[in-house]
Amino acid sequence: MRYRLLLIDHDDTAVDSTAIVHYPAHLEALRELRPGMPLPTIEQWWTANFEPGIMEHLVHNLGMNEAELAREFEIWRSFTASRVPSFFPGFRELLAAFRARGGSVAVVSHSEQANILRDYRQPGSPSFEPDLVFGWDHDPGRRKPDPWPAREALTRLDVDAAEALVVDDLRPGVLMARAAGVAVVGAGWAHRVPPIRDWMRGNCLAYFESVEEFGAFLLG
């Protein structure tokens, strides 16, 4: 295989989570914290996650203070704890096939580690659990776009940067890959938002609109 290690995002790359978890959680927070404000569409929510980024959007665009940010986070955690997203069809099978050929898999995500592991441990065939999971960390130096998670995975799994591949649907994964000297491809099967799609196409080694296309690239 051309790669020995996959550094994969979780939300909207492995699992279809924005539509049933993150977007509804944000709407619930807005109803409480910004009553009367027009609610964004899911495309607008994806765009805000992409540019300027979720924290920048909450602080600078919506003007949330520390107490409001804490409440947004509390509502978000209630949704992530109670709603389990489904894997994109074929994604777990692709990871299992990659491992069967000798590959390793590390998750690098802004979701919490416990929820990522819960998702992978849901009943399903084939069963699959990543070798490493780097979830949301309160230290910004340990979460993407910082290269620390990618470099740490390379060190722990004894893989050269040239043998690793980042798979992500948004900019932070691309910036992390770039800083770590790792190739990156775009996961375009969760959304079709033109600004995101165009930027990812222009800044990734390749951009795939289906899991099947990515599988052919990875295992072909």
N, C-alpha and C. Protein backbone atom coordinates (compact mmCIF):
# COMPACT_ATOMS: atom_id res chain seq x y z
N MET A 1 0.84 -1.20 0.00
CA MET A 1 0.00 0.00 0.00
C MET A 1 0.87 1.24 0.00
N ARG A 2 0.33 2.32 -0.55
CA ARG A 2 1.10 3.56 -0.58
C ARG A 2 1.14 4.23 0.79
N TYR A 3 0.18 3.91 1.68
CA TYR A 3 0.14 4.50 3.01
C TYR A 3 0.06 3.41 4.08
N ARG A 4 0.72 3.66 5.22
CA ARG A 4 0.67 2.74 6.36
C ARG A 4 -0.21 3.25 7.48
N LEU A 5 -0.54 4.54 7.44
CA LEU A 5 -1.32 5.13 8.53
C LEU A 5 -2.35 6.10 7.97
N LEU A 6 -3.59 5.94 8.41
CA LEU A 6 -4.64 6.90 8.13
C LEU A 6 -4.88 7.74 9.38
N LEU A 7 -4.87 9.05 9.21
CA LEU A 7 -5.23 9.99 10.27
C LEU A 7 -6.59 10.57 9.88
N ILE A 8 -7.64 10.03 10.45
CA ILE A 8 -8.98 10.34 9.96
C ILE A 8 -9.75 11.22 10.93
N ASP A 9 -10.47 12.16 10.35
CA ASP A 9 -11.43 12.96 11.08
C ASP A 9 -12.61 12.05 11.46
N HIS A 10 -13.46 12.54 12.36
CA HIS A 10 -14.60 11.72 12.78
C HIS A 10 -15.92 12.27 12.24
N ASP A 11 -16.30 13.47 12.68
CA ASP A 11 -17.58 14.04 12.28
C ASP A 11 -17.58 14.42 10.81
N ASP A 12 -18.57 13.91 10.10
CA ASP A 12 -18.79 14.18 8.68
C ASP A 12 -17.68 13.63 7.79
N THR A 13 -16.84 12.77 8.37
CA THR A 13 -15.87 11.99 7.60
C THR A 13 -16.14 10.51 7.83
N ALA A 14 -16.16 10.10 9.09
CA ALA A 14 -16.49 8.71 9.42
C ALA A 14 -17.98 8.56 9.71
N VAL A 15 -18.54 9.48 10.49
CA VAL A 15 -19.95 9.39 10.87
C VAL A 15 -20.72 10.62 10.38
N ASP A 16 -21.99 10.40 10.08
CA ASP A 16 -22.87 11.45 9.57
C ASP A 16 -23.50 12.16 10.76
N SER A 17 -22.75 13.06 11.40
CA SER A 17 -23.14 13.57 12.71
C SER A 17 -23.68 14.99 12.73
N THR A 18 -23.28 15.84 11.81
CA THR A 18 -23.75 17.22 11.89
C THR A 18 -25.27 17.29 11.80
N ALA A 19 -25.86 16.54 10.88
CA ALA A 19 -27.30 16.64 10.66
C ALA A 19 -28.12 16.21 11.86
N ILE A 20 -27.64 15.22 12.63
CA ILE A 20 -28.46 14.71 13.73
C ILE A 20 -27.94 15.09 15.11
N VAL A 21 -26.73 15.64 15.19
CA VAL A 21 -26.16 15.98 16.51
C VAL A 21 -25.79 17.46 16.59
N HIS A 22 -24.79 17.88 15.84
CA HIS A 22 -24.18 19.18 16.06
C HIS A 22 -25.06 20.36 15.62
N TYR A 23 -25.68 20.22 14.47
CA TYR A 23 -26.55 21.30 13.99
C TYR A 23 -27.79 21.45 14.87
N PRO A 24 -28.52 20.37 15.20
CA PRO A 24 -29.67 20.53 16.11
C PRO A 24 -29.27 21.08 17.48
N ALA A 25 -28.07 20.69 17.97
CA ALA A 25 -27.61 21.22 19.26
C ALA A 25 -27.42 22.72 19.19
N HIS A 26 -26.85 23.19 18.09
CA HIS A 26 -26.62 24.63 17.95
C HIS A 26 -27.95 25.38 17.84
N LEU A 27 -28.90 24.82 17.12
CA LEU A 27 -30.22 25.45 17.03
C LEU A 27 -30.87 25.56 18.41
N GLU A 28 -30.75 24.51 19.20
CA GLU A 28 -31.32 24.54 20.55
C GLU A 28 -30.66 25.63 21.39
N ALA A 29 -29.33 25.77 21.26
CA ALA A 29 -28.62 26.82 22.00
C ALA A 29 -29.05 28.21 21.55
N LEU A 30 -29.23 28.40 20.25
CA LEU A 30 -29.66 29.71 19.75
C LEU A 30 -31.06 30.06 20.22
N ARG A 31 -31.95 29.08 20.27
CA ARG A 31 -33.31 29.36 20.74
C ARG A 31 -33.30 29.88 22.17
N GLU A 32 -32.34 29.37 22.96
CA GLU A 32 -32.25 29.80 24.35
C GLU A 32 -31.45 31.09 24.50
N LEU A 33 -30.31 31.17 23.82
CA LEU A 33 -29.38 32.28 24.03
C LEU A 33 -29.61 33.47 23.12
N ARG A 34 -30.20 33.24 21.95
CA ARG A 34 -30.47 34.32 21.00
C ARG A 34 -31.91 34.21 20.49
N PRO A 35 -32.89 34.27 21.40
CA PRO A 35 -34.28 34.15 20.96
C PRO A 35 -34.64 35.28 20.00
N GLY A 36 -35.35 34.90 18.96
CA GLY A 36 -35.74 35.88 17.96
C GLY A 36 -34.77 35.99 16.81
N MET A 37 -33.55 35.47 16.97
CA MET A 37 -32.59 35.50 15.87
C MET A 37 -32.99 34.47 14.81
N PRO A 38 -32.94 34.82 13.53
CA PRO A 38 -33.23 33.83 12.49
C PRO A 38 -32.27 32.65 12.61
N LEU A 39 -32.80 31.44 12.54
CA LEU A 39 -31.96 30.26 12.69
C LEU A 39 -31.23 29.97 11.37
N PRO A 40 -29.96 29.60 11.45
CA PRO A 40 -29.21 29.31 10.22
C PRO A 40 -29.65 28.00 9.59
N THR A 41 -29.46 27.89 8.29
CA THR A 41 -29.64 26.61 7.62
C THR A 41 -28.44 25.72 7.93
N ILE A 42 -28.56 24.45 7.64
CA ILE A 42 -27.44 23.56 7.89
C ILE A 42 -26.25 23.92 6.99
N GLU A 43 -26.53 24.41 5.80
CA GLU A 43 -25.43 24.85 4.93
C GLU A 43 -24.70 26.05 5.53
N GLN A 44 -25.44 26.97 6.14
CA GLN A 44 -24.82 28.12 6.80
C GLN A 44 -24.01 27.67 8.01
N TRP A 45 -24.48 26.65 8.71
CA TRP A 45 -23.74 26.13 9.87
C TRP A 45 -22.44 25.48 9.42
N TRP A 46 -22.48 24.67 8.37
CA TRP A 46 -21.27 24.08 7.83
C TRP A 46 -20.29 25.18 7.39
N THR A 47 -20.81 26.21 6.73
CA THR A 47 -19.94 27.29 6.26
C THR A 47 -19.28 28.00 7.42
N ALA A 48 -20.01 28.22 8.51
CA ALA A 48 -19.43 28.88 9.68
C ALA A 48 -18.35 28.01 10.32
N ASN A 49 -18.56 26.70 10.32
CA ASN A 49 -17.53 25.79 10.83
C ASN A 49 -16.27 25.88 9.99
N PHE A 50 -16.46 26.11 8.71
CA PHE A 50 -15.32 26.21 7.80
C PHE A 50 -14.63 27.57 7.88
N GLU A 51 -15.42 28.61 7.87
CA GLU A 51 -14.89 29.98 7.89
C GLU A 51 -15.88 30.89 8.62
N PRO A 52 -15.52 31.40 9.78
CA PRO A 52 -14.18 31.52 10.36
C PRO A 52 -13.75 30.37 11.27
N GLY A 53 -14.60 29.37 11.49
CA GLY A 53 -14.35 28.33 12.48
C GLY A 53 -15.35 28.48 13.61
N ILE A 54 -15.64 27.36 14.28
CA ILE A 54 -16.75 27.36 15.22
C ILE A 54 -16.55 28.33 16.38
N MET A 55 -15.39 28.33 17.04
CA MET A 55 -15.21 29.22 18.18
C MET A 55 -15.22 30.67 17.75
N GLU A 56 -14.56 30.96 16.63
CA GLU A 56 -14.55 32.33 16.13
C GLU A 56 -15.98 32.79 15.78
N HIS A 57 -16.76 31.89 15.23
CA HIS A 57 -18.14 32.22 14.88
C HIS A 57 -18.96 32.54 16.13
N LEU A 58 -18.83 31.69 17.15
CA LEU A 58 -19.60 31.90 18.37
C LEU A 58 -19.21 33.20 19.07
N VAL A 59 -17.90 33.47 19.11
CA VAL A 59 -17.42 34.63 19.85
C VAL A 59 -17.58 35.92 19.05
N HIS A 60 -17.10 35.92 17.82
CA HIS A 60 -17.05 37.16 17.06
C HIS A 60 -18.34 37.44 16.26
N ASN A 61 -18.91 36.42 15.67
CA ASN A 61 -20.13 36.65 14.87
C ASN A 61 -21.39 36.71 15.73
N LEU A 62 -21.45 35.84 16.76
CA LEU A 62 -22.65 35.81 17.61
C LEU A 62 -22.46 36.56 18.92
N GLY A 63 -21.22 36.96 19.21
CA GLY A 63 -20.96 37.77 20.40
C GLY A 63 -21.19 37.07 21.72
N MET A 64 -20.96 35.75 21.78
CA MET A 64 -21.19 35.02 23.02
C MET A 64 -20.10 35.32 24.05
N ASN A 65 -20.55 35.51 25.31
CA ASN A 65 -19.61 35.69 26.40
C ASN A 65 -19.25 34.34 27.02
N GLU A 66 -18.45 34.35 28.06
CA GLU A 66 -17.98 33.09 28.65
C GLU A 66 -19.13 32.24 29.17
N ALA A 67 -20.10 32.87 29.81
CA ALA A 67 -21.23 32.12 30.35
C ALA A 67 -22.06 31.50 29.22
N GLU A 68 -22.25 32.25 28.15
CA GLU A 68 -23.02 31.73 27.01
C GLU A 68 -22.27 30.62 26.31
N LEU A 69 -20.96 30.76 26.18
CA LEU A 69 -20.16 29.69 25.58
C LEU A 69 -20.27 28.42 26.41
N ALA A 70 -20.24 28.57 27.72
CA ALA A 70 -20.36 27.41 28.60
C ALA A 70 -21.72 26.74 28.43
N ARG A 71 -22.77 27.55 28.25
CA ARG A 71 -24.11 26.99 28.06
C ARG A 71 -24.23 26.31 26.71
N GLU A 72 -23.66 26.93 25.67
CA GLU A 72 -23.63 26.28 24.35
C GLU A 72 -22.95 24.92 24.44
N PHE A 73 -21.81 24.88 25.14
CA PHE A 73 -21.07 23.63 25.29
C PHE A 73 -21.89 22.60 26.07
N GLU A 74 -22.59 23.06 27.09
CA GLU A 74 -23.42 22.15 27.89
C GLU A 74 -24.53 21.54 27.04
N ILE A 75 -25.19 22.36 26.24
CA ILE A 75 -26.25 21.85 25.37
C ILE A 75 -25.66 20.89 24.34
N TRP A 76 -24.53 21.26 23.75
CA TRP A 76 -23.87 20.38 22.77
C TRP A 76 -23.54 19.03 23.39
N ARG A 77 -23.02 19.04 24.62
CA ARG A 77 -22.67 17.76 25.26
C ARG A 77 -23.91 16.92 25.54
N SER A 78 -25.03 17.56 25.83
CA SER A 78 -26.26 16.78 26.07
C SER A 78 -26.69 16.08 24.80
N PHE A 79 -26.49 16.73 23.65
CA PHE A 79 -26.85 16.11 22.37
C PHE A 79 -25.85 15.01 22.01
N THR A 80 -24.55 15.25 22.19
CA THR A 80 -23.56 14.22 21.84
C THR A 80 -23.70 12.99 22.74
N ALA A 81 -24.18 13.20 23.97
CA ALA A 81 -24.36 12.07 24.88
C ALA A 81 -25.59 11.25 24.56
N SER A 82 -26.59 11.87 23.96
CA SER A 82 -27.87 11.18 23.78
C SER A 82 -28.14 10.74 22.34
N ARG A 83 -27.36 11.22 21.38
CA ARG A 83 -27.59 10.88 19.98
C ARG A 83 -26.34 10.23 19.40
N VAL A 84 -26.50 9.06 18.84
CA VAL A 84 -25.37 8.31 18.29
C VAL A 84 -25.47 8.35 16.76
N PRO A 85 -24.49 8.97 16.10
CA PRO A 85 -24.55 9.06 14.63
C PRO A 85 -24.18 7.74 13.98
N SER A 86 -24.63 7.58 12.75
CA SER A 86 -24.31 6.37 11.98
C SER A 86 -23.06 6.59 11.14
N PHE A 87 -22.32 5.51 10.93
CA PHE A 87 -21.18 5.56 10.02
C PHE A 87 -21.69 5.67 8.58
N PHE A 88 -20.94 6.37 7.76
CA PHE A 88 -21.27 6.40 6.34
C PHE A 88 -21.16 4.98 5.79
N PRO A 89 -22.10 4.56 4.95
CA PRO A 89 -22.06 3.19 4.41
C PRO A 89 -20.71 2.88 3.78
N GLY A 90 -20.15 1.77 4.20
CA GLY A 90 -18.88 1.31 3.64
C GLY A 90 -17.65 1.83 4.34
N PHE A 91 -17.81 2.78 5.26
CA PHE A 91 -16.60 3.39 5.84
C PHE A 91 -15.90 2.44 6.80
N ARG A 92 -16.65 1.81 7.70
CA ARG A 92 -16.00 0.85 8.62
C ARG A 92 -15.41 -0.32 7.84
N GLU A 93 -16.10 -0.75 6.80
CA GLU A 93 -15.58 -1.85 5.98
C GLU A 93 -14.25 -1.44 5.33
N LEU A 94 -14.17 -0.19 4.88
CA LEU A 94 -12.93 0.29 4.28
C LEU A 94 -11.79 0.31 5.29
N LEU A 95 -12.06 0.78 6.50
CA LEU A 95 -11.02 0.80 7.53
C LEU A 95 -10.57 -0.62 7.87
N ALA A 96 -11.51 -1.55 7.94
CA ALA A 96 -11.15 -2.94 8.25
C ALA A 96 -10.29 -3.54 7.14
N ALA A 97 -10.60 -3.22 5.88
CA ALA A 97 -9.80 -3.72 4.77
C ALA A 97 -8.40 -3.12 4.79
N PHE A 98 -8.32 -1.84 5.16
CA PHE A 98 -7.01 -1.18 5.27
C PHE A 98 -6.17 -1.83 6.36
N ARG A 99 -6.78 -2.11 7.51
CA ARG A 99 -6.04 -2.77 8.59
C ARG A 99 -5.63 -4.18 8.20
N ALA A 100 -6.48 -4.89 7.48
CA ALA A 100 -6.16 -6.26 7.08
C ALA A 100 -4.92 -6.30 6.19
N ARG A 101 -4.64 -5.20 5.52
CA ARG A 101 -3.44 -5.12 4.67
C ARG A 101 -2.23 -4.58 5.43
N GLY A 102 -2.38 -4.40 6.74
CA GLY A 102 -1.26 -3.96 7.55
C GLY A 102 -1.28 -2.51 7.96
N GLY A 103 -2.35 -1.79 7.65
CA GLY A 103 -2.42 -0.37 7.97
C GLY A 103 -2.89 -0.10 9.39
N SER A 104 -2.58 1.11 9.87
CA SER A 104 -3.02 1.57 11.18
C SER A 104 -3.93 2.78 11.00
N VAL A 105 -4.79 3.01 12.00
CA VAL A 105 -5.78 4.09 11.92
C VAL A 105 -5.77 4.89 13.21
N ALA A 106 -5.60 6.20 13.09
CA ALA A 106 -5.70 7.11 14.22
C ALA A 106 -6.78 8.14 13.92
N VAL A 107 -7.66 8.38 14.88
CA VAL A 107 -8.70 9.40 14.73
C VAL A 107 -8.18 10.71 15.32
N VAL A 108 -8.33 11.80 14.56
CA VAL A 108 -7.98 13.14 15.04
C VAL A 108 -9.22 14.00 14.85
N SER A 109 -9.87 14.35 15.95
CA SER A 109 -11.21 14.96 15.87
C SER A 109 -11.38 16.05 16.90
N HIS A 110 -12.38 16.91 16.67
CA HIS A 110 -12.79 17.89 17.67
C HIS A 110 -13.92 17.37 18.52
N SER A 111 -14.35 16.12 18.33
CA SER A 111 -15.30 15.49 19.24
C SER A 111 -14.54 14.89 20.42
N GLU A 112 -15.28 14.58 21.47
CA GLU A 112 -14.63 14.05 22.67
C GLU A 112 -14.30 12.56 22.47
N GLN A 113 -13.17 12.17 23.06
CA GLN A 113 -12.67 10.81 22.86
C GLN A 113 -13.69 9.75 23.25
N ALA A 114 -14.36 9.94 24.38
CA ALA A 114 -15.32 8.93 24.84
C ALA A 114 -16.44 8.73 23.83
N ASN A 115 -16.91 9.81 23.21
CA ASN A 115 -17.99 9.68 22.23
C ASN A 115 -17.50 9.03 20.94
N ILE A 116 -16.27 9.31 20.55
CA ILE A 116 -15.71 8.67 19.36
C ILE A 116 -15.62 7.16 19.57
N LEU A 117 -15.09 6.76 20.71
CA LEU A 117 -14.99 5.32 21.00
C LEU A 117 -16.37 4.68 21.11
N ARG A 118 -17.31 5.39 21.71
CA ARG A 118 -18.69 4.88 21.78
C ARG A 118 -19.24 4.60 20.39
N ASP A 119 -19.00 5.53 19.46
CA ASP A 119 -19.50 5.35 18.10
C ASP A 119 -18.91 4.10 17.46
N TYR A 120 -17.60 3.90 17.62
CA TYR A 120 -16.96 2.74 17.02
C TYR A 120 -17.38 1.44 17.68
N ARG A 121 -17.80 1.50 18.93
CA ARG A 121 -18.18 0.29 19.65
C ARG A 121 -19.65 -0.07 19.49
N GLN A 122 -20.39 0.71 18.70
CA GLN A 122 -21.77 0.35 18.42
C GLN A 122 -21.81 -0.96 17.63
N PRO A 123 -22.86 -1.75 17.82
CA PRO A 123 -22.97 -2.99 17.05
C PRO A 123 -22.92 -2.71 15.56
N GLY A 124 -22.20 -3.54 14.86
CA GLY A 124 -22.08 -3.38 13.42
C GLY A 124 -21.08 -4.35 12.87
N SER A 125 -21.12 -4.56 11.60
CA SER A 125 -20.20 -5.49 10.96
C SER A 125 -19.52 -4.77 9.80
N PRO A 126 -18.18 -4.81 9.75
CA PRO A 126 -17.31 -5.47 10.71
C PRO A 126 -17.09 -4.60 11.95
N SER A 127 -16.71 -5.25 13.06
CA SER A 127 -16.32 -4.48 14.23
C SER A 127 -14.97 -3.84 13.95
N PHE A 128 -14.79 -2.63 14.45
CA PHE A 128 -13.53 -1.93 14.20
C PHE A 128 -13.33 -0.89 15.29
N GLU A 129 -12.10 -0.79 15.78
CA GLU A 129 -11.74 0.25 16.73
C GLU A 129 -10.38 0.81 16.34
N PRO A 130 -10.23 2.14 16.33
CA PRO A 130 -8.96 2.73 15.90
C PRO A 130 -7.80 2.36 16.82
N ASP A 131 -6.60 2.47 16.28
CA ASP A 131 -5.40 2.24 17.09
C ASP A 131 -5.19 3.36 18.09
N LEU A 132 -5.48 4.59 17.69
CA LEU A 132 -5.33 5.76 18.55
C LEU A 132 -6.52 6.69 18.32
N VAL A 133 -6.88 7.44 19.37
CA VAL A 133 -7.92 8.46 19.25
C VAL A 133 -7.44 9.74 19.93
N PHE A 134 -7.41 10.82 19.16
CA PHE A 134 -7.11 12.14 19.69
C PHE A 134 -8.38 12.97 19.56
N GLY A 135 -9.08 13.17 20.68
CA GLY A 135 -10.31 13.94 20.66
C GLY A 135 -10.08 15.38 21.08
N TRP A 136 -11.19 16.07 21.39
CA TRP A 136 -11.11 17.47 21.79
C TRP A 136 -10.24 17.61 23.04
N ASP A 137 -9.30 18.53 23.00
CA ASP A 137 -8.42 18.80 24.13
C ASP A 137 -8.53 20.28 24.46
N HIS A 138 -8.61 20.60 25.74
CA HIS A 138 -8.72 22.00 26.13
C HIS A 138 -7.43 22.78 25.88
N ASP A 139 -6.34 22.07 25.68
CA ASP A 139 -5.08 22.71 25.29
C ASP A 139 -5.08 22.86 23.77
N PRO A 140 -5.17 24.09 23.24
CA PRO A 140 -5.23 24.25 21.77
C PRO A 140 -3.99 23.73 21.07
N GLY A 141 -2.89 23.59 21.78
CA GLY A 141 -1.68 23.04 21.18
C GLY A 141 -1.74 21.54 20.97
N ARG A 142 -2.81 20.90 21.43
CA ARG A 142 -2.95 19.46 21.27
C ARG A 142 -4.16 19.09 20.42
N ARG A 143 -4.70 20.05 19.71
CA ARG A 143 -5.81 19.75 18.80
C ARG A 143 -5.56 20.41 17.45
N LYS A 144 -6.07 19.80 16.40
CA LYS A 144 -5.90 20.37 15.08
C LYS A 144 -6.57 21.74 15.02
N PRO A 145 -5.98 22.68 14.27
CA PRO A 145 -4.97 22.53 13.22
C PRO A 145 -3.53 22.42 13.69
N ASP A 146 -3.27 22.44 15.00
CA ASP A 146 -1.90 22.21 15.46
C ASP A 146 -1.45 20.83 15.00
N PRO A 147 -0.17 20.67 14.61
CA PRO A 147 0.29 19.37 14.11
C PRO A 147 0.55 18.34 15.21
N TRP A 148 0.38 18.71 16.48
CA TRP A 148 0.73 17.78 17.56
C TRP A 148 0.06 16.42 17.43
N PRO A 149 -1.27 16.31 17.18
CA PRO A 149 -1.86 14.97 17.11
C PRO A 149 -1.25 14.12 16.00
N ALA A 150 -1.01 14.73 14.84
CA ALA A 150 -0.42 13.97 13.73
C ALA A 150 0.99 13.51 14.08
N ARG A 151 1.79 14.40 14.61
CA ARG A 151 3.16 14.03 14.96
C ARG A 151 3.20 12.98 16.06
N GLU A 152 2.28 13.10 17.03
CA GLU A 152 2.23 12.12 18.11
C GLU A 152 1.85 10.74 17.57
N ALA A 153 0.90 10.69 16.65
CA ALA A 153 0.50 9.41 16.06
C ALA A 153 1.65 8.79 15.27
N LEU A 154 2.36 9.61 14.51
CA LEU A 154 3.51 9.11 13.75
C LEU A 154 4.55 8.50 14.68
N THR A 155 4.81 9.18 15.79
CA THR A 155 5.81 8.69 16.75
C THR A 155 5.35 7.40 17.41
N ARG A 156 4.12 7.39 17.91
CA ARG A 156 3.63 6.22 18.65
C ARG A 156 3.52 4.98 17.77
N LEU A 157 3.16 5.18 16.51
CA LEU A 157 2.96 4.04 15.62
C LEU A 157 4.16 3.78 14.72
N ASP A 158 5.22 4.56 14.91
CA ASP A 158 6.49 4.37 14.20
C ASP A 158 6.28 4.39 12.68
N VAL A 159 5.68 5.48 12.23
CA VAL A 159 5.39 5.65 10.80
C VAL A 159 6.02 6.96 10.34
N ASP A 160 6.66 6.94 9.17
CA ASP A 160 7.20 8.17 8.59
C ASP A 160 6.06 9.03 8.04
N ALA A 161 6.28 10.34 8.04
CA ALA A 161 5.25 11.26 7.54
C ALA A 161 4.86 10.94 6.10
N ALA A 162 5.82 10.49 5.29
CA ALA A 162 5.53 10.19 3.89
C ALA A 162 4.64 8.97 3.72
N GLU A 163 4.47 8.18 4.79
CA GLU A 163 3.66 6.97 4.73
C GLU A 163 2.28 7.16 5.37
N ALA A 164 1.94 8.41 5.71
CA ALA A 164 0.67 8.70 6.37
C ALA A 164 -0.22 9.55 5.48
N LEU A 165 -1.51 9.48 5.74
CA LEU A 165 -2.50 10.24 4.97
C LEU A 165 -3.57 10.76 5.90
N VAL A 166 -3.83 12.07 5.85
CA VAL A 166 -4.93 12.68 6.60
C VAL A 166 -6.18 12.68 5.72
N VAL A 167 -7.32 12.35 6.33
CA VAL A 167 -8.61 12.37 5.64
C VAL A 167 -9.54 13.26 6.46
N ASP A 168 -10.00 14.37 5.87
CA ASP A 168 -10.80 15.33 6.62
C ASP A 168 -11.75 16.04 5.68
N ASP A 169 -12.84 16.59 6.26
CA ASP A 169 -13.80 17.32 5.43
C ASP A 169 -13.68 18.83 5.58
N LEU A 170 -12.81 19.31 6.49
CA LEU A 170 -12.70 20.75 6.72
C LEU A 170 -11.25 21.21 6.83
N ARG A 171 -11.07 22.51 6.86
CA ARG A 171 -9.76 23.15 6.82
C ARG A 171 -8.80 22.73 7.95
N PRO A 172 -9.24 22.59 9.23
CA PRO A 172 -8.27 22.29 10.29
C PRO A 172 -7.43 21.04 10.01
N GLY A 173 -8.04 20.02 9.43
CA GLY A 173 -7.28 18.81 9.11
C GLY A 173 -6.24 19.06 8.04
N VAL A 174 -6.58 19.91 7.08
CA VAL A 174 -5.64 20.24 6.01
C VAL A 174 -4.45 21.00 6.58
N LEU A 175 -4.73 21.98 7.43
CA LEU A 175 -3.65 22.78 8.02
C LEU A 175 -2.77 21.92 8.92
N MET A 176 -3.37 21.01 9.67
CA MET A 176 -2.59 20.09 10.49
C MET A 176 -1.68 19.24 9.63
N ALA A 177 -2.22 18.67 8.57
CA ALA A 177 -1.43 17.82 7.68
C ALA A 177 -0.27 18.59 7.09
N ARG A 178 -0.55 19.79 6.64
CA ARG A 178 0.48 20.63 6.03
C ARG A 178 1.62 20.87 7.02
N ALA A 179 1.28 21.22 8.25
CA ALA A 179 2.28 21.54 9.26
C ALA A 179 3.09 20.31 9.67
N ALA A 180 2.47 19.13 9.56
CA ALA A 180 3.15 17.90 9.94
C ALA A 180 3.87 17.24 8.77
N GLY A 181 3.74 17.79 7.56
CA GLY A 181 4.38 17.20 6.40
C GLY A 181 3.72 15.93 5.92
N VAL A 182 2.40 15.85 6.09
CA VAL A 182 1.64 14.65 5.74
C VAL A 182 0.68 14.99 4.59
N ALA A 183 0.50 14.07 3.67
CA ALA A 183 -0.46 14.27 2.58
C ALA A 183 -1.88 14.29 3.14
N VAL A 184 -2.78 14.98 2.43
CA VAL A 184 -4.16 15.08 2.91
C VAL A 184 -5.12 15.00 1.72
N VAL A 185 -6.23 14.28 1.94
CA VAL A 185 -7.30 14.23 0.94
C VAL A 185 -8.59 14.71 1.58
N GLY A 186 -9.49 15.23 0.73
CA GLY A 186 -10.74 15.77 1.21
C GLY A 186 -11.86 14.75 1.19
N ALA A 187 -12.64 14.72 2.28
CA ALA A 187 -13.82 13.86 2.37
C ALA A 187 -15.03 14.70 2.00
N GLY A 188 -15.59 14.48 0.82
CA GLY A 188 -16.68 15.32 0.34
C GLY A 188 -18.02 14.63 0.31
N TRP A 189 -18.20 13.58 1.09
CA TRP A 189 -19.45 12.81 1.00
C TRP A 189 -20.50 13.27 2.01
N ALA A 190 -20.19 14.18 2.93
CA ALA A 190 -21.19 14.61 3.92
C ALA A 190 -21.94 15.86 3.48
N HIS A 191 -21.29 16.73 2.74
CA HIS A 191 -21.92 17.99 2.36
C HIS A 191 -21.40 18.43 1.00
N ARG A 192 -22.14 19.34 0.39
CA ARG A 192 -21.79 19.85 -0.95
C ARG A 192 -21.83 21.38 -0.92
N VAL A 193 -21.19 21.98 0.09
CA VAL A 193 -21.20 23.43 0.24
C VAL A 193 -20.11 24.00 -0.66
N PRO A 194 -20.45 24.81 -1.67
CA PRO A 194 -19.47 25.24 -2.66
C PRO A 194 -18.19 25.85 -2.11
N PRO A 195 -18.22 26.80 -1.14
CA PRO A 195 -16.94 27.35 -0.67
C PRO A 195 -16.04 26.31 -0.04
N ILE A 196 -16.62 25.37 0.69
CA ILE A 196 -15.83 24.30 1.31
C ILE A 196 -15.26 23.39 0.24
N ARG A 197 -16.12 22.94 -0.66
CA ARG A 197 -15.69 22.03 -1.73
C ARG A 197 -14.57 22.64 -2.56
N ASP A 198 -14.73 23.91 -2.93
CA ASP A 198 -13.73 24.54 -3.79
C ASP A 198 -12.40 24.70 -3.08
N TRP A 199 -12.44 25.10 -1.80
CA TRP A 199 -11.18 25.27 -1.06
C TRP A 199 -10.50 23.91 -0.87
N MET A 200 -11.26 22.91 -0.51
CA MET A 200 -10.67 21.58 -0.30
C MET A 200 -10.09 21.03 -1.59
N ARG A 201 -10.78 21.20 -2.68
CA ARG A 201 -10.24 20.74 -3.97
C ARG A 201 -8.91 21.41 -4.29
N GLY A 202 -8.79 22.69 -3.95
CA GLY A 202 -7.58 23.42 -4.27
C GLY A 202 -6.44 23.20 -3.31
N ASN A 203 -6.71 22.57 -2.15
CA ASN A 203 -5.67 22.45 -1.12
C ASN A 203 -5.39 21.02 -0.68
N CYS A 204 -6.00 20.05 -1.34
CA CYS A 204 -5.79 18.65 -0.99
C CYS A 204 -5.18 17.90 -2.17
N LEU A 205 -4.52 16.81 -1.85
CA LEU A 205 -3.98 15.93 -2.88
C LEU A 205 -5.08 15.43 -3.80
N ALA A 206 -6.24 15.13 -3.23
CA ALA A 206 -7.41 14.69 -3.99
C ALA A 206 -8.65 14.99 -3.16
N TYR A 207 -9.78 15.03 -3.83
CA TYR A 207 -11.05 15.30 -3.16
C TYR A 207 -12.06 14.27 -3.65
N PHE A 208 -12.69 13.56 -2.72
CA PHE A 208 -13.58 12.46 -3.07
C PHE A 208 -15.00 12.76 -2.64
N GLU A 209 -15.95 12.52 -3.52
CA GLU A 209 -17.35 12.79 -3.23
C GLU A 209 -18.10 11.56 -2.74
N SER A 210 -17.42 10.43 -2.63
CA SER A 210 -18.05 9.23 -2.08
C SER A 210 -16.99 8.39 -1.38
N VAL A 211 -17.45 7.59 -0.43
CA VAL A 211 -16.55 6.66 0.27
C VAL A 211 -15.96 5.67 -0.73
N GLU A 212 -16.76 5.28 -1.71
CA GLU A 212 -16.29 4.31 -2.71
C GLU A 212 -15.11 4.87 -3.51
N GLU A 213 -15.19 6.14 -3.90
CA GLU A 213 -14.08 6.77 -4.62
C GLU A 213 -12.82 6.80 -3.77
N PHE A 214 -12.98 7.15 -2.50
CA PHE A 214 -11.83 7.17 -1.61
C PHE A 214 -11.26 5.77 -1.44
N GLY A 215 -12.10 4.76 -1.30
CA GLY A 215 -11.64 3.39 -1.15
C GLY A 215 -10.82 2.92 -2.34
N ALA A 216 -11.26 3.27 -3.53
CA ALA A 216 -10.51 2.88 -4.73
C ALA A 216 -9.14 3.53 -4.75
N PHE A 217 -9.06 4.77 -4.30
CA PHE A 217 -7.77 5.46 -4.22
C PHE A 217 -6.88 4.82 -3.16
N LEU A 218 -7.45 4.52 -2.00
CA LEU A 218 -6.65 4.03 -0.88
C LEU A 218 -6.14 2.61 -1.10
N LEU A 219 -7.00 1.74 -1.61
CA LEU A 219 -6.65 0.32 -1.69
C LEU A 219 -6.24 -0.11 -3.11
N GLY A 220 -6.44 0.78 -4.08
CA GLY A 220 -6.16 0.40 -5.46
C GLY A 220 -4.68 0.24 -5.73
